[in-house]
C-alpha atoms as a PDB file:
ATOM      1  CA  MET A   1     -16.847  27.161 -14.557  1.00  0.00           C
ATOM      2  CA  PHE A   2     -20.132  26.791 -12.672  1.00  0.00           C
ATOM      3  CA  TRP A   3     -20.387  30.494 -11.782  1.00  0.00           C
ATOM      4  CA  ILE A   4     -19.950  31.458 -15.440  1.00  0.00           C
ATOM      5  CA  GLU A   5     -22.922  29.252 -16.365  1.00  0.00           C
ATOM      6  CA  ILE A   6     -25.082  30.926 -13.690  1.00  0.00           C
ATOM      7  CA  ILE A   7     -24.162  34.426 -14.951  1.00  0.00           C
ATOM      8  CA  VAL A   8     -24.907  33.464 -18.556  1.00  0.00           C
ATOM      9  CA  LEU A   9     -28.218  31.902 -17.574  1.00  0.00           C
ATOM     10  CA  GLY A  10     -29.210  35.056 -15.666  1.00  0.00           C
ATOM     11  CA  ILE A  11     -28.298  37.315 -18.593  1.00  0.00           C
ATOM     12  CA  SER A  12     -30.261  35.077 -20.932  1.00  0.00           C
ATOM     13  CA  LEU A  13     -33.371  35.267 -18.753  1.00  0.00           C
ATOM     14  CA  LEU A  14     -33.100  39.065 -18.645  1.00  0.00           C
ATOM     15  CA  VAL A  15     -32.825  39.158 -22.442  1.00  0.00           C
ATOM     16  CA  ILE A  16     -35.922  36.971 -22.810  1.00  0.00           C
ATOM     17  CA  ILE A  17     -37.925  39.175 -20.438  1.00  0.00           C
ATOM     18  CA  SER A  18     -36.838  42.386 -22.202  1.00  0.00           C
ATOM     19  CA  LEU A  19     -37.754  40.947 -25.597  1.00  0.00           C
ATOM     20  CA  PHE A  20     -41.111  39.858 -24.262  1.00  0.00           C
ATOM     21  CA  LEU A  21     -41.848  43.315 -22.837  1.00  0.00           C
ATOM     22  CA  LYS A  22     -40.732  44.997 -26.046  1.00  0.00           C
ATOM     23  CA  LYS A  23     -42.993  42.812 -28.158  1.00  0.00           C
ATOM     24  CA  LEU A  24     -45.864  43.370 -25.762  1.00  0.00           C
ATOM     25  CA  GLY A  25     -45.364  47.130 -26.025  1.00  0.00           C
ATOM     26  CA  GLU A  26     -45.398  46.987 -29.813  1.00  0.00           C
ATOM     27  CA  LEU A  27     -48.638  45.028 -29.853  1.00  0.00           C
ATOM     28  CA  SER A  28     -50.317  47.347 -27.346  1.00  0.00           C
ATOM     29  CA  GLN A  29     -49.676  50.362 -29.647  1.00  0.00           C
ATOM     30  CA  LYS A  30     -51.565  48.747 -32.569  1.00  0.00           C
ATOM     31  CA  PRO A  31     -55.289  49.645 -33.056  1.00  0.00           C
ATOM     32  CA  VAL A  32     -57.698  47.296 -31.387  1.00  0.00           C
ATOM     33  CA  VAL A  33     -59.302  45.052 -33.958  1.00  0.00           C
ATOM     34  CA  ARG A  34     -62.443  43.125 -33.253  1.00  0.00           C
ATOM     35  CA  VAL A  35     -61.817  39.527 -33.987  1.00  0.00           C
ATOM     36  CA  SER A  36     -64.220  36.734 -34.408  1.00  0.00           C
ATOM     37  CA  ILE A  37     -64.027  33.367 -32.688  1.00  0.00           C
ATOM     38  CA  GLY A  38     -61.444  31.106 -34.273  1.00  0.00           C
ATOM     39  CA  ASN A  39     -59.133  33.961 -35.442  1.00  0.00           C
ATOM     40  CA  PRO A  40     -55.647  34.316 -33.849  1.00  0.00           C
ATOM     41  CA  THR A  41     -55.659  36.454 -30.723  1.00  0.00           C
ATOM     42  CA  THR A  42     -52.988  38.847 -29.589  1.00  0.00           C
ATOM     43  CA  GLN A  43     -51.603  36.228 -27.231  1.00  0.00           C
ATOM     44  CA  SER A  44     -51.383  33.708 -30.062  1.00  0.00           C
ATOM     45  CA  HIS A  45     -49.067  36.163 -31.856  1.00  0.00           C
ATOM     46  CA  ILE A  46     -46.864  36.600 -28.788  1.00  0.00           C
ATOM     47  CA  TRP A  47     -46.290  32.956 -27.834  1.00  0.00           C
ATOM     48  CA  PRO A  48     -44.755  31.742 -31.140  1.00  0.00           C
ATOM     49  CA  TYR A  49     -42.411  34.718 -31.048  1.00  0.00           C
ATOM     50  CA  VAL A  50     -41.374  34.060 -27.440  1.00  0.00           C
ATOM     51  CA  LYS A  51     -41.015  30.344 -28.126  1.00  0.00           C
ATOM     52  CA  LYS A  52     -38.754  31.056 -31.078  1.00  0.00           C
ATOM     53  CA  LYS A  53     -36.602  33.432 -29.054  1.00  0.00           C
ATOM     54  CA  LEU A  54     -36.369  30.960 -26.190  1.00  0.00           C
ATOM     55  CA  GLY A  55     -35.100  28.329 -28.604  1.00  0.00           C
ATOM     56  CA  VAL A  56     -32.465  30.660 -30.052  1.00  0.00           C
ATOM     57  CA  VAL A  57     -31.266  31.850 -26.636  1.00  0.00           C
ATOM     58  CA  GLY A  58     -31.251  28.307 -25.260  1.00  0.00           C
ATOM     59  CA  ASN A  59     -29.188  27.109 -28.211  1.00  0.00           C
ATOM     60  CA  HIS A  60     -26.666  29.931 -27.719  1.00  0.00           C
ATOM     61  CA  LEU A  61     -26.545  29.229 -24.006  1.00  0.00           C
ATOM     62  CA  TRP A  62     -25.840  25.528 -24.551  1.00  0.00           C
ATOM     63  CA  HIS A  63     -23.051  26.254 -27.016  1.00  0.00           C
ATOM     64  CA  PHE A  64     -21.551  28.764 -24.616  1.00  0.00           C
ATOM     65  CA  ILE A  65     -21.487  26.165 -21.849  1.00  0.00           C
ATOM     66  CA  LEU A  66     -19.894  23.636 -24.176  1.00  0.00           C
ATOM     67  CA  GLU A  67     -17.287  26.211 -25.190  1.00  0.00           C
ATOM     68  CA  ALA A  68     -16.579  27.082 -21.558  1.00  0.00           C
ATOM     69  CA  LYS A  69     -15.960  23.400 -20.875  1.00  0.00           C
ATOM     70  CA  ASP A  70     -13.857  23.109 -24.050  1.00  0.00           C
ATOM     71  CA  LEU A  71     -16.344  20.696 -25.573  1.00  0.00           C
ATOM     72  CA  ARG A  72     -17.439  22.453 -28.767  1.00  0.00           C
ATOM     73  CA  PRO A  73     -16.332  20.064 -31.519  1.00  0.00           C
ATOM     74  CA  PRO A  74     -15.105  20.904 -34.989  1.00  0.00           C
ATOM     75  CA  ALA A  75     -17.377  20.111 -37.924  1.00  0.00           C
ATOM     76  CA  THR A  76     -15.676  16.772 -38.480  1.00  0.00           C
ATOM     77  CA  LYS A  77     -16.673  15.474 -35.024  1.00  0.00           C
ATOM     78  CA  THR A  78     -19.501  12.979 -34.948  1.00  0.00           C
ATOM     79  CA  PHE A  79     -22.573  13.421 -32.815  1.00  0.00           C
ATOM     80  CA  GLN A  80     -21.699  10.317 -30.790  1.00  0.00           C
ATOM     81  CA  ASN A  81     -18.260  11.731 -29.882  1.00  0.00           C
ATOM     82  CA  GLN A  82     -19.925  14.937 -28.757  1.00  0.00           C
ATOM     83  CA  VAL A  83     -22.340  13.023 -26.546  1.00  0.00           C
ATOM     84  CA  GLU A  84     -19.473  11.099 -24.960  1.00  0.00           C
ATOM     85  CA  LYS A  85     -17.621  14.337 -24.160  1.00  0.00           C
ATOM     86  CA  VAL A  86     -20.692  15.889 -22.640  1.00  0.00           C
ATOM     87  CA  LYS A  87     -21.290  12.775 -20.547  1.00  0.00           C
ATOM     88  CA  ASN A  88     -17.735  12.884 -19.207  1.00  0.00           C
ATOM     89  CA  ALA A  89     -17.862  16.619 -18.483  1.00  0.00           C
ATOM     90  CA  PHE A  90     -21.088  16.471 -16.538  1.00  0.00           C
ATOM     91  CA  ARG A  91     -20.432  13.085 -14.902  1.00  0.00           C
ATOM     92  CA  ILE A  92     -23.376  11.587 -16.766  1.00  0.00           C
ATOM     93  CA  ARG A  93     -23.722   7.838 -17.076  1.00  0.00           C
ATOM     94  CA  ILE A  94     -26.199   6.300 -19.492  1.00  0.00           C
ATOM     95  CA  ARG A  95     -27.274   2.774 -18.632  1.00  0.00           C
ATOM     96  CA  THR A  96     -26.643   0.266 -21.391  1.00  0.00           C
ATOM     97  CA  SER A  97     -28.822  -2.450 -19.910  1.00  0.00           C
ATOM     98  CA  GLU A  98     -31.171  -3.124 -17.039  1.00  0.00           C
ATOM     99  CA  ALA A  99     -28.364  -5.012 -15.295  1.00  0.00           C
ATOM    100  CA  ASP A 100     -26.329  -1.815 -14.909  1.00  0.00           C
ATOM    101  CA  PRO A 101     -26.568   0.136 -11.664  1.00  0.00           C
ATOM    102  CA  VAL A 102     -28.935   3.082 -11.774  1.00  0.00           C
ATOM    103  CA  TRP A 103     -26.058   5.472 -11.081  1.00  0.00           C
ATOM    104  CA  LEU A 104     -22.311   5.064 -10.952  1.00  0.00           C
ATOM    105  CA  PRO A 105     -19.681   7.829 -11.058  1.00  0.00           C
ATOM    106  CA  GLU A 106     -17.504   7.561 -14.116  1.00  0.00           C
ATOM    107  CA  ALA A 107     -14.554   9.637 -12.860  1.00  0.00           C
ATOM    108  CA  ALA A 108     -11.872   7.867 -10.846  1.00  0.00           C
ATOM    109  CA  GLU A 109     -11.689  10.691  -8.335  1.00  0.00           C
ATOM    110  CA  LEU A 110     -15.323  10.087  -7.394  1.00  0.00           C
ATOM    111  CA  ALA A 111     -14.792   6.432  -6.616  1.00  0.00           C
ATOM    112  CA  THR A 112     -14.433   5.411  -2.973  1.00  0.00           C
ATOM    113  CA  PRO A 113     -11.420   3.112  -2.512  1.00  0.00           C
ATOM    114  CA  ALA A 114     -12.217  -0.333  -1.224  1.00  0.00           C
ATOM    115  CA  VAL A 115     -11.510  -0.800   2.475  1.00  0.00           C
ATOM    116  CA  VAL A 116      -9.283  -3.786   3.128  1.00  0.00           C
ATOM    117  CA  THR A 117     -10.780  -5.585   6.086  1.00  0.00           C
ATOM    118  CA  ARG A 118      -8.985  -8.910   5.708  1.00  0.00           C
ATOM    119  CA  SER A 119      -5.720  -9.519   7.514  1.00  0.00           C
ATOM    120  CA  PRO A 120      -2.526 -10.488   5.649  1.00  0.00           C
ATOM    121  CA  GLU A 121      -2.652 -13.845   7.400  1.00  0.00           C
ATOM    122  CA  ASP A 122      -6.096 -14.560   5.899  1.00  0.00           C
ATOM    123  CA  LEU A 123      -4.841 -13.654   2.431  1.00  0.00           C
ATOM    124  CA  TYR A 124      -1.806 -15.942   2.710  1.00  0.00           C
ATOM    125  CA  LEU A 125      -3.911 -18.789   4.079  1.00  0.00           C
ATOM    126  CA  GLU A 126      -6.374 -18.383   1.221  1.00  0.00           C
ATOM    127  CA  ALA A 127      -3.510 -18.591  -1.285  1.00  0.00           C
ATOM    128  CA  ILE A 128      -2.238 -21.744   0.453  1.00  0.00           C
ATOM    129  CA  LYS A 129      -5.748 -23.209   0.397  1.00  0.00           C
ATOM    130  CA  LYS A 130      -5.836 -22.746  -3.371  1.00  0.00           C
ATOM    131  CA  ASN A 131      -2.336 -24.172  -3.783  1.00  0.00           C
ATOM    132  CA  PRO A 132      -1.055 -26.206  -0.807  1.00  0.00           C
ATOM    133  CA  ASN A 133       2.468 -26.140  -2.269  1.00  0.00           C
ATOM    134  CA  ASP A 134       2.677 -22.359  -2.765  1.00  0.00           C
ATOM    135  CA  LYS A 135       6.127 -21.689  -1.277  1.00  0.00           C
ATOM    136  CA  HIS A 136       5.873 -17.913  -1.677  1.00  0.00           C
ATOM    137  CA  ALA A 137       2.690 -17.797   0.383  1.00  0.00           C
ATOM    138  CA  TYR A 138       4.250 -19.980   3.079  1.00  0.00           C
ATOM    139  CA  GLU A 139       7.389 -17.801   3.136  1.00  0.00           C
ATOM    140  CA  ALA A 140       5.333 -14.636   3.578  1.00  0.00           C
ATOM    141  CA  LEU A 141       3.229 -16.318   6.254  1.00  0.00           C
ATOM    142  CA  GLY A 142       6.329 -17.479   8.131  1.00  0.00           C
ATOM    143  CA  ARG A 143       7.868 -13.993   8.098  1.00  0.00           C
ATOM    144  CA  LEU A 144       4.573 -12.548   9.317  1.00  0.00           C
ATOM    145  CA  TYR A 145       4.479 -15.011  12.231  1.00  0.00           C
ATOM    146  CA  LEU A 146       8.067 -14.136  13.200  1.00  0.00           C
ATOM    147  CA  GLN A 147       7.327 -10.401  13.074  1.00  0.00           C
ATOM    148  CA  ASN A 148       4.252 -10.912  15.249  1.00  0.00           C
ATOM    149  CA  LYS A 149       6.265 -13.150  17.616  1.00  0.00           C
ATOM    150  CA  ASN A 150       3.928 -16.036  16.910  1.00  0.00           C
ATOM    151  CA  PHE A 151       6.812 -18.460  17.140  1.00  0.00           C
ATOM    152  CA  ALA A 152       4.780 -21.665  17.364  1.00  0.00           C
ATOM    153  CA  ASP A 153       3.055 -21.066  14.030  1.00  0.00           C
ATOM    154  CA  ALA A 154       6.308 -19.755  12.550  1.00  0.00           C
ATOM    155  CA  ALA A 155       8.107 -22.960  13.508  1.00  0.00           C
ATOM    156  CA  GLN A 156       5.324 -25.074  12.019  1.00  0.00           C
ATOM    157  CA  THR A 157       5.357 -23.039   8.801  1.00  0.00           C
ATOM    158  CA  TYR A 158       9.115 -23.292   8.279  1.00  0.00           C
ATOM    159  CA  GLU A 159       9.106 -26.952   9.186  1.00  0.00           C
ATOM    160  CA  PHE A 160       6.669 -27.509   6.335  1.00  0.00           C
ATOM    161  CA  LEU A 161       8.776 -25.362   3.995  1.00  0.00           C
ATOM    162  CA  ILE A 162      11.812 -27.488   4.837  1.00  0.00           C
ATOM    163  CA  LYS A 163       9.849 -30.550   3.733  1.00  0.00           C
ATOM    164  CA  LEU A 164       8.989 -28.804   0.454  1.00  0.00           C
ATOM    165  CA  ASP A 165      12.570 -27.658  -0.155  1.00  0.00           C
ATOM    166  CA  PRO A 166      15.172 -28.889   2.345  1.00  0.00           C
ATOM    167  CA  ASN A 167      18.044 -27.139   0.537  1.00  0.00           C
ATOM    168  CA  GLN A 168      17.001 -23.572   1.383  1.00  0.00           C
ATOM    169  CA  ASP A 169      19.323 -22.261   4.107  1.00  0.00           C
ATOM    170  CA  VAL A 170      16.953 -19.432   5.046  1.00  0.00           C
ATOM    171  CA  TYR A 171      14.225 -21.952   5.891  1.00  0.00           C
ATOM    172  CA  TRP A 172      16.550 -23.703   8.335  1.00  0.00           C
ATOM    173  CA  SER A 173      17.761 -20.424   9.803  1.00  0.00           C
ATOM    174  CA  ASN A 174      14.243 -19.092  10.408  1.00  0.00           C
ATOM    175  CA  PHE A 175      13.162 -22.445  11.815  1.00  0.00           C
ATOM    176  CA  GLY A 176      16.116 -22.170  14.188  1.00  0.00           C
ATOM    177  CA  LEU A 177      15.049 -18.677  15.267  1.00  0.00           C
ATOM    178  CA  ALA A 178      11.480 -19.816  15.944  1.00  0.00           C
ATOM    179  CA  SER A 179      12.670 -22.915  17.839  1.00  0.00           C
ATOM    180  CA  TYR A 180      15.116 -20.907  19.978  1.00  0.00           C
ATOM    181  CA  SER A 181      12.329 -18.453  20.841  1.00  0.00           C
ATOM    182  CA  LEU A 182      10.239 -21.441  21.962  1.00  0.00           C
ATOM    183  CA  LYS A 183      13.209 -22.564  24.125  1.00  0.00           C
ATOM    184  CA  GLU A 184      13.631 -25.683  22.002  1.00  0.00           C
ATOM    185  CA  TYR A 185      17.388 -25.220  21.964  1.00  0.00           C
ATOM    186  CA  GLY A 186      18.281 -28.644  20.577  1.00  0.00           C
ATOM    187  CA  LYS A 187      16.064 -28.150  17.511  1.00  0.00           C
ATOM    188  CA  ALA A 188      17.373 -24.640  17.107  1.00  0.00           C
ATOM    189  CA  ALA A 189      21.028 -25.727  17.199  1.00  0.00           C
ATOM    190  CA  HIS A 190      20.369 -28.457  14.630  1.00  0.00           C
ATOM    191  CA  ALA A 191      18.532 -25.975  12.375  1.00  0.00           C
ATOM    192  CA  TYR A 192      21.390 -23.444  12.496  1.00  0.00           C
ATOM    193  CA  GLU A 193      23.954 -26.140  11.779  1.00  0.00           C
ATOM    194  CA  LYS A 194      21.936 -27.155   8.707  1.00  0.00           C
ATOM    195  CA  ALA A 195      21.676 -23.522   7.574  1.00  0.00           C
ATOM    196  CA  LEU A 196      25.445 -23.032   8.008  1.00  0.00           C
ATOM    197  CA  GLY A 197      26.024 -26.206   6.050  1.00  0.00           C
ATOM    198  CA  PHE A 198      24.497 -24.474   3.021  1.00  0.00           C
ATOM    199  CA  ASN A 199      25.967 -21.017   3.718  1.00  0.00           C
ATOM    200  CA  SER A 200      28.685 -20.566   6.348  1.00  0.00           C
ATOM    201  CA  LYS A 201      29.532 -16.939   5.470  1.00  0.00           C
ATOM    202  CA  ILE A 202      26.866 -15.307   7.627  1.00  0.00           C
ATOM    203  CA  ALA A 203      28.388 -14.332  10.990  1.00  0.00           C
ATOM    204  CA  THR A 204      25.082 -13.859  12.803  1.00  0.00           C
ATOM    205  CA  ARG A 205      24.150 -17.479  12.192  1.00  0.00           C
ATOM    206  CA  TRP A 206      27.310 -18.573  14.004  1.00  0.00           C
ATOM    207  CA  ILE A 207      26.393 -16.229  16.852  1.00  0.00           C
ATOM    208  CA  ASN A 208      22.894 -17.708  17.051  1.00  0.00           C
ATOM    209  CA  LEU A 209      24.332 -21.213  17.030  1.00  0.00           C
ATOM    210  CA  SER A 210      26.612 -20.186  19.897  1.00  0.00           C
ATOM    211  CA  LEU A 211      23.607 -18.921  21.854  1.00  0.00           C
ATOM    212  CA  CYS A 212      21.869 -22.270  21.326  1.00  0.00           C
ATOM    213  CA  PHE A 213      24.875 -24.173  22.680  1.00  0.00           C
ATOM    214  CA  ASP A 214      25.165 -21.747  25.591  1.00  0.00           C
ATOM    215  CA  ALA A 215      21.510 -22.405  26.461  1.00  0.00           C
ATOM    216  CA  LEU A 216      22.325 -26.138  26.343  1.00  0.00           C
ATOM    217  CA  HIS A 217      25.342 -25.486  28.623  1.00  0.00           C
ATOM    218  CA  ASP A 218      27.682 -26.822  25.949  1.00  0.00           C
ATOM    219  CA  TYR A 219      30.201 -23.996  26.331  1.00  0.00           C
ATOM    220  CA  GLY A 220      32.930 -25.672  24.282  1.00  0.00           C
ATOM    221  CA  LYS A 221      30.729 -25.721  21.170  1.00  0.00           C
ATOM    222  CA  ALA A 222      29.571 -22.220  21.969  1.00  0.00           C
ATOM    223  CA  VAL A 223      33.204 -21.039  21.928  1.00  0.00           C
ATOM    224  CA  ARG A 224      33.910 -22.764  18.609  1.00  0.00           C
ATOM    225  CA  ALA A 225      30.834 -21.156  17.024  1.00  0.00           C
ATOM    226  CA  LEU A 226      31.936 -17.730  18.304  1.00  0.00           C
ATOM    227  CA  ILE A 227      35.416 -18.165  16.874  1.00  0.00           C
ATOM    228  CA  GLN A 228      33.860 -18.853  13.460  1.00  0.00           C
ATOM    229  CA  ALA A 229      31.799 -15.643  13.722  1.00  0.00           C
ATOM    230  CA  ILE A 230      34.887 -13.613  14.689  1.00  0.00           C
ATOM    231  CA  GLU A 231      36.779 -15.032  11.701  1.00  0.00           C
ATOM    232  CA  LEU A 232      34.131 -13.398   9.529  1.00  0.00           C
ATOM    233  CA  ASP A 233      34.006 -10.129  11.552  1.00  0.00           C
ATOM    234  CA  LYS A 234      37.350  -9.739  13.338  1.00  0.00           C
ATOM    235  CA  LEU A 235      36.801  -6.247  14.777  1.00  0.00           C
ATOM    236  CA  ASN A 236      33.348  -6.852  16.202  1.00  0.00           C
ATOM    237  CA  LEU A 237      33.815  -6.024  19.902  1.00  0.00           C
ATOM    238  CA  ASN A 238      30.451  -7.524  20.892  1.00  0.00           C
ATOM    239  CA  TYR A 239      31.479 -10.903  19.488  1.00  0.00           C
ATOM    240  CA  LEU A 240      34.828 -10.715  21.282  1.00  0.00           C
ATOM    241  CA  MET A 241      33.128  -9.871  24.589  1.00  0.00           C
ATOM    242  CA  MET A 242      30.798 -12.849  24.159  1.00  0.00           C
ATOM    243  CA  LEU A 243      33.823 -15.065  23.539  1.00  0.00           C
ATOM    244  CA  ALA A 244      35.532 -13.826  26.707  1.00  0.00           C
ATOM    245  CA  GLU A 245      32.426 -14.600  28.739  1.00  0.00           C
ATOM    246  CA  GLU A 246      32.139 -18.098  27.244  1.00  0.00           C
ATOM    247  CA  TYR A 247      35.767 -18.772  28.197  1.00  0.00           C
ATOM    248  CA  LEU A 248      34.929 -17.747  31.746  1.00  0.00           C
ATOM    249  CA  LYS A 249      32.068 -20.293  31.780  1.00  0.00           C
ATOM    250  CA  ILE A 250      34.339 -23.216  30.741  1.00  0.00           C
ATOM    251  CA  PRO A 251      36.269 -21.924  32.825  1.00  0.00           C
ATOM    252  CA  ASN A 252      39.435 -20.793  31.055  1.00  0.00           C
ATOM    253  CA  SER A 253      40.517 -17.475  32.572  1.00  0.00           C
ATOM    254  CA  ILE A 254      43.788 -17.342  30.631  1.00  0.00           C
ATOM    255  CA  ARG A 255      42.027 -17.366  27.257  1.00  0.00           C
ATOM    256  CA  ALA A 256      39.432 -14.921  28.612  1.00  0.00           C
ATOM    257  CA  GLU A 257      42.250 -12.491  29.554  1.00  0.00           C
ATOM    258  CA  GLU A 258      43.744 -12.818  26.069  1.00  0.00           C
ATOM    259  CA  VAL A 259      40.429 -11.916  24.449  1.00  0.00           C
ATOM    260  CA  LEU A 260      39.897  -8.955  26.803  1.00  0.00           C
ATOM    261  CA  GLU A 261      43.375  -7.628  25.985  1.00  0.00           C
ATOM    262  CA  GLN A 262      42.531  -8.010  22.298  1.00  0.00           C
ATOM    263  CA  ILE A 263      39.436  -5.856  22.849  1.00  0.00           C
ATOM    264  CA  LEU A 264      41.526  -3.164  24.612  1.00  0.00           C
ATOM    265  CA  ALA A 265      44.050  -3.206  21.769  1.00  0.00           C
ATOM    266  CA  ILE A 266      41.242  -2.327  19.372  1.00  0.00           C
ATOM    267  CA  GLU A 267      39.485   0.100  21.768  1.00  0.00           C
ATOM    268  CA  PRO A 268      41.653   1.232  24.722  1.00  0.00           C
ATOM    269  CA  THR A 269      38.750   3.139  26.292  1.00  0.00           C
ATOM    270  CA  ASN A 270      36.486   0.086  26.552  1.00  0.00           C
ATOM    271  CA  ARG A 271      35.479   0.288  30.203  1.00  0.00           C
ATOM    272  CA  GLN A 272      33.692  -3.072  30.365  1.00  0.00           C
ATOM    273  CA  ALA A 273      36.704  -4.999  29.065  1.00  0.00           C
ATOM    274  CA  ARG A 274      39.105  -3.115  31.385  1.00  0.00           C
ATOM    275  CA  GLU A 275      37.006  -3.833  34.472  1.00  0.00           C
ATOM    276  CA  LYS A 276      36.663  -7.541  33.627  1.00  0.00           C
ATOM    277  CA  LEU A 277      40.406  -7.789  33.003  1.00  0.00           C
ATOM    278  CA  MET A 278      41.228  -6.072  36.298  1.00  0.00           C
ATOM    279  CA  ARG A 279      39.004  -8.508  38.243  1.00  0.00           C
ATOM    280  CA  LEU A 280      40.693 -11.481  36.564  1.00  0.00           C
ATOM    281  CA  LYS A 281      44.168 -10.214  37.445  1.00  0.00           C
ATOM    282  CA  ILE A 282      43.411  -9.657  41.122  1.00  0.00           C
END
């Protein structure tokens, strides 16, 4: 709408100039009258006329702008409502006190979004500082440490959460993951056993427990943990292959052959299982 306002303003100025020239022409055609000091001069006749016309044109121009911006109110509108609409349309802000900023954009699209410079870790730590027993903040912090592979801090965080609520299986499971990543396999195995004590229907926890026992060279327990995982996911060929390899570590080649044949019964084209089976039979 800005270009419309410029055009209207230009037309208005042309109208004022033409009126001024017309009036000046009319006055120049009148007979010259000698006037005494103190009487109105020709210019004193022109200025009130021009001033009046300027006021009329300015008023029409203002109403046209308001109409172009869809701001012209009906007769029932109050003056204060009109002022508020004009302020919003022209992004005007009137200070209500000396404490207000000198200028502040009212429209949301003019506001610059705040730049977040603080890390999520700082935010979680601040929440914990305000409430040392805020489990949600500790949970979020622990997940963040695991994602960032900061396993030492993750282990410490979940160890504290276990003290706050020792009956949460996910706390034990995540503590086991952090401990295993730190090569603390005994702690990790204990943590996974605790987690499975609360919820034994998650196959991956049995697999992780098996990995802990394998790292501790306790292959018998590793086999038993794998069997529990396979009970929950019988067609998982990766689990079956892990079981065959654990049998070979015991060693128990007969059971390893049985597991490899089970894999080939499910997937006859499994090259890895076929090659392992052929080497065992030689």
